[in-house]
Amino acid sequence: MGTFGALTRLIRREPVTVQACVQATLALLVGFGAVRWTSEQVGLVMGAVAAFLALLTRAKVTPTRTIQAAPPGDRDQDAAGPAGGSGAGGTAPTVEAKPLSAG
């Protein structure tokens, strides 16, 4: 149970990382001829891994509280204006260019 338990904890803690590792490993094995699968079989396995781990990932990023509506005064402002964009009342942000040091 030790190795399986550790693997299960890793999958629950880092599902996106596990998905990337599984898919990269499968691509390497197929690319170097260690596994002789058709492109359809590779696609099916990658899709199944992605779908399964997407369920775990979704559970980790789903909000647990209801988002409250903004007060009426905040809803009427142009989103880009107060942030300094090109909206009403805002000015375009300035960017200062600095030369790269050759050091």
C-alpha atoms as a PDB file:
ATOM      1  CA  MET A   1       0.000   0.000   0.000  1.00  0.00           C
ATOM      2  CA  GLY A   2       3.017   2.295   0.498  1.00  0.00           C
ATOM      3  CA  THR A   3       3.838   2.984  -3.150  1.00  0.00           C
ATOM      4  CA  PHE A   4       0.205   2.989  -4.251  1.00  0.00           C
ATOM      5  CA  GLY A   5      -0.728   5.335  -1.400  1.00  0.00           C
ATOM      6  CA  ALA A   6       2.108   7.701  -2.275  1.00  0.00           C
ATOM      7  CA  LEU A   7       1.064   7.678  -5.936  1.00  0.00           C
ATOM      8  CA  THR A   8      -2.549   8.368  -5.013  1.00  0.00           C
ATOM      9  CA  ARG A   9      -1.531  11.300  -2.809  1.00  0.00           C
ATOM     10  CA  LEU A  10       0.637  12.701  -5.609  1.00  0.00           C
ATOM     11  CA  ILE A  11      -2.203  12.449  -8.139  1.00  0.00           C
ATOM     12  CA  ARG A  12      -4.611  14.186  -5.769  1.00  0.00           C
ATOM     13  CA  ARG A  13      -2.106  16.901  -4.874  1.00  0.00           C
ATOM     14  CA  GLU A  14      -0.686  17.590  -8.373  1.00  0.00           C
ATOM     15  CA  PRO A  15      -3.057  16.236 -11.060  1.00  0.00           C
ATOM     16  CA  VAL A  16      -1.827  18.548 -13.821  1.00  0.00           C
ATOM     17  CA  THR A  17       1.813  17.636 -13.223  1.00  0.00           C
ATOM     18  CA  VAL A  18       0.985  13.926 -13.239  1.00  0.00           C
ATOM     19  CA  GLN A  19      -0.947  14.331 -16.496  1.00  0.00           C
ATOM     20  CA  ALA A  20       1.973  16.110 -18.147  1.00  0.00           C
ATOM     21  CA  CYS A  21       4.429  13.454 -16.973  1.00  0.00           C
ATOM     22  CA  VAL A  22       2.249  10.545 -18.120  1.00  0.00           C
ATOM     23  CA  GLN A  23       1.665  12.084 -21.530  1.00  0.00           C
ATOM     24  CA  ALA A  24       5.304  13.059 -22.033  1.00  0.00           C
ATOM     25  CA  THR A  25       6.469   9.587 -21.007  1.00  0.00           C
ATOM     26  CA  LEU A  26       3.988   7.935 -23.365  1.00  0.00           C
ATOM     27  CA  ALA A  27       5.080  10.200 -26.230  1.00  0.00           C
ATOM     28  CA  LEU A  28       8.740   9.328 -25.578  1.00  0.00           C
ATOM     29  CA  LEU A  29       8.038   5.594 -25.421  1.00  0.00           C
ATOM     30  CA  VAL A  30       6.098   5.662 -28.678  1.00  0.00           C
ATOM     31  CA  GLY A  31       8.535   8.060 -30.353  1.00  0.00           C
ATOM     32  CA  PHE A  32      11.538   5.860 -29.628  1.00  0.00           C
ATOM     33  CA  GLY A  33       9.713   2.653 -30.555  1.00  0.00           C
ATOM     34  CA  ALA A  34       9.649   1.096 -27.073  1.00  0.00           C
ATOM     35  CA  VAL A  35       5.869   0.746 -27.377  1.00  0.00           C
ATOM     36  CA  ARG A  36       4.342  -0.160 -30.718  1.00  0.00           C
ATOM     37  CA  TRP A  37       0.971   1.563 -30.598  1.00  0.00           C
ATOM     38  CA  THR A  38      -0.942   3.150 -33.430  1.00  0.00           C
ATOM     39  CA  SER A  39      -1.580   6.881 -33.347  1.00  0.00           C
ATOM     40  CA  GLU A  40      -5.232   6.110 -32.532  1.00  0.00           C
ATOM     41  CA  GLN A  41      -4.238   4.087 -29.473  1.00  0.00           C
ATOM     42  CA  VAL A  42      -1.876   6.813 -28.268  1.00  0.00           C
ATOM     43  CA  GLY A  43      -4.628   9.391 -28.737  1.00  0.00           C
ATOM     44  CA  LEU A  44      -7.123   7.276 -26.810  1.00  0.00           C
ATOM     45  CA  VAL A  45      -4.777   6.768 -23.855  1.00  0.00           C
ATOM     46  CA  MET A  46      -3.811  10.446 -23.741  1.00  0.00           C
ATOM     47  CA  GLY A  47      -7.467  11.475 -23.936  1.00  0.00           C
ATOM     48  CA  ALA A  48      -8.460   9.073 -21.161  1.00  0.00           C
ATOM     49  CA  VAL A  49      -5.644  10.290 -18.889  1.00  0.00           C
ATOM     50  CA  ALA A  50      -6.537  13.922 -19.603  1.00  0.00           C
ATOM     51  CA  ALA A  51     -10.250  13.355 -18.925  1.00  0.00           C
ATOM     52  CA  PHE A  52      -9.669  11.478 -15.669  1.00  0.00           C
ATOM     53  CA  LEU A  53      -7.190  13.995 -14.286  1.00  0.00           C
ATOM     54  CA  ALA A  54      -9.329  16.928 -15.472  1.00  0.00           C
ATOM     55  CA  LEU A  55     -11.982  15.786 -13.014  1.00  0.00           C
ATOM     56  CA  LEU A  56      -9.479  15.967 -10.168  1.00  0.00           C
ATOM     57  CA  THR A  57      -8.145  19.308 -11.374  1.00  0.00           C
ATOM     58  CA  ARG A  58     -11.641  20.747 -11.623  1.00  0.00           C
ATOM     59  CA  ALA A  59     -12.341  19.798  -8.034  1.00  0.00           C
ATOM     60  CA  LYS A  60      -9.215  21.681  -6.945  1.00  0.00           C
ATOM     61  CA  VAL A  61     -10.017  24.936  -8.775  1.00  0.00           C
ATOM     62  CA  THR A  62     -13.780  25.123  -8.231  1.00  0.00           C
ATOM     63  CA  PRO A  63     -14.761  27.983  -5.909  1.00  0.00           C
ATOM     64  CA  THR A  64     -16.191  26.837  -2.606  1.00  0.00           C
ATOM     65  CA  ARG A  65     -18.067  30.074  -1.866  1.00  0.00           C
ATOM     66  CA  THR A  66     -20.659  32.060  -3.794  1.00  0.00           C
ATOM     67  CA  ILE A  67     -19.364  35.251  -5.374  1.00  0.00           C
ATOM     68  CA  GLN A  68     -21.277  38.328  -4.233  1.00  0.00           C
ATOM     69  CA  ALA A  69     -22.449  40.946  -6.705  1.00  0.00           C
ATOM     70  CA  ALA A  70     -20.556  44.245  -6.824  1.00  0.00           C
ATOM     71  CA  PRO A  71     -22.233  47.319  -5.314  1.00  0.00           C
ATOM     72  CA  PRO A  72     -24.330  49.279  -7.860  1.00  0.00           C
ATOM     73  CA  GLY A  73     -21.796  52.131  -8.118  1.00  0.00           C
ATOM     74  CA  ASP A  74     -18.983  49.764  -9.096  1.00  0.00           C
ATOM     75  CA  ARG A  75     -20.964  48.084 -11.861  1.00  0.00           C
ATOM     76  CA  ASP A  76     -21.480  51.286 -13.826  1.00  0.00           C
ATOM     77  CA  GLN A  77     -17.804  52.184 -14.294  1.00  0.00           C
ATOM     78  CA  ASP A  78     -15.916  51.352 -17.437  1.00  0.00           C
ATOM     79  CA  ALA A  79     -13.589  48.463 -16.602  1.00  0.00           C
ATOM     80  CA  ALA A  80     -10.602  49.966 -18.412  1.00  0.00           C
ATOM     81  CA  GLY A  81     -11.071  53.522 -17.124  1.00  0.00           C
ATOM     82  CA  PRO A  82     -10.025  53.268 -13.465  1.00  0.00           C
ATOM     83  CA  ALA A  83      -7.236  50.846 -14.274  1.00  0.00           C
ATOM     84  CA  GLY A  84      -5.566  53.322 -16.574  1.00  0.00           C
ATOM     85  CA  GLY A  85      -6.626  51.827 -19.893  1.00  0.00           C
ATOM     86  CA  SER A  86      -8.244  53.591 -22.805  1.00  0.00           C
ATOM     87  CA  GLY A  87     -11.714  53.742 -21.208  1.00  0.00           C
ATOM     88  CA  ALA A  88     -13.617  56.828 -20.117  1.00  0.00           C
ATOM     89  CA  GLY A  89     -11.765  58.851 -17.499  1.00  0.00           C
ATOM     90  CA  GLY A  90      -8.572  56.831 -17.807  1.00  0.00           C
ATOM     91  CA  THR A  91      -5.287  57.676 -19.375  1.00  0.00           C
ATOM     92  CA  ALA A  92      -3.083  55.412 -21.393  1.00  0.00           C
ATOM     93  CA  PRO A  93      -0.327  53.874 -19.292  1.00  0.00           C
ATOM     94  CA  THR A  94       3.223  54.980 -19.990  1.00  0.00           C
ATOM     95  CA  VAL A  95       6.135  52.608 -20.296  1.00  0.00           C
ATOM     96  CA  GLU A  96       9.711  53.728 -19.846  1.00  0.00           C
ATOM     97  CA  ALA A  97      12.239  51.956 -22.064  1.00  0.00           C
ATOM     98  CA  LYS A  98      15.554  51.148 -20.431  1.00  0.00           C
ATOM     99  CA  PRO A  99      18.651  50.156 -22.422  1.00  0.00           C
ATOM    100  CA  LEU A 100      20.080  46.689 -21.826  1.00  0.00           C
ATOM    101  CA  SER A 101      23.362  46.693 -20.010  1.00  0.00           C
ATOM    102  CA  ALA A 102      26.195  44.936 -21.823  1.00  0.00           C
ATOM    103  CA  GLY A 103      27.610  43.505 -18.700  1.00  0.00           C
END
